[in-house]
């Protein structure tokens, strides 16, 4: 199953409104997870931007 940026970020960020929902749904799926290099880059950009703003 392919994981997009929002799903990955929901699990990385300390507080995210999707965190519990995503964790519950992912635990119900019996497949390997994968993502793309662009998703990793998008996550990095979002996290760096939030860090520079002092956010979560």
Protein backbone atom coordinates (compact mmCIF):
# COMPACT_ATOMS: atom_id res chain seq x y z
CA UNK A 1 0.00 0.00 0.00
CA UNK A 2 1.30 3.43 -0.97
CA UNK A 3 1.41 6.06 1.79
CA UNK A 4 1.11 9.70 0.79
CA UNK A 5 2.52 12.76 2.52
CA UNK A 6 -0.44 13.41 4.85
CA UNK A 7 -0.37 9.86 6.18
CA UNK A 8 3.38 9.90 6.81
CA UNK A 9 3.25 13.35 8.44
CA UNK A 10 0.39 12.31 10.71
CA UNK A 11 2.65 9.67 12.22
CA UNK A 12 5.77 11.84 12.45
CA UNK A 13 4.28 14.97 13.98
CA UNK A 14 3.71 15.05 17.73
CA UNK A 15 0.20 16.39 17.39
CA UNK A 16 -1.86 15.71 14.30
CA UNK A 17 -5.61 15.28 14.12
CA UNK A 18 -5.17 12.25 11.84
CA UNK A 19 -2.64 10.42 14.05
CA UNK A 20 -5.01 8.06 15.88
CA UNK A 21 -7.29 7.48 12.90
CA UNK A 22 -4.38 6.61 10.61
CA UNK A 23 -2.71 4.39 13.19
CA UNK A 24 -5.94 2.45 13.68
CA UNK A 25 -6.56 2.05 9.94
CA UNK A 26 -2.96 1.05 9.17
CA UNK A 27 -3.08 -1.63 11.86
CA UNK A 28 -6.04 -3.21 10.03
CA UNK A 29 -4.14 -3.52 6.73
CA UNK A 30 -2.13 -6.67 6.10
CA UNK A 31 0.12 -5.33 3.34
CA UNK A 32 3.59 -3.89 3.02
CA UNK A 33 3.73 -0.10 3.02
CA UNK A 34 5.77 1.99 0.63
CA UNK A 35 6.13 5.62 -0.37
CA UNK A 36 8.04 7.65 -2.92
CA UNK A 37 11.14 9.81 -2.73
CA UNK A 38 9.00 12.87 -3.46
CA UNK A 39 6.85 12.10 -0.42
CA UNK A 40 9.97 12.01 1.74
CA UNK A 41 11.08 15.37 0.30
CA UNK A 42 7.61 16.87 0.86
CA UNK A 43 7.68 15.71 4.48
CA UNK A 44 11.10 17.24 4.97
CA UNK A 45 9.95 20.57 3.53
CA UNK A 46 6.82 20.66 5.69
CA UNK A 47 8.71 19.75 8.87
CA UNK A 48 11.49 22.27 8.21
CA UNK A 49 8.95 25.01 7.51
CA UNK A 50 7.03 24.23 10.70
CA UNK A 51 10.25 24.11 12.72
CA UNK A 52 11.30 27.53 11.43
CA UNK A 53 7.92 28.87 12.55
CA UNK A 54 8.27 27.27 15.96
CA UNK A 55 5.33 24.95 15.29
CA UNK A 56 4.70 21.25 15.81
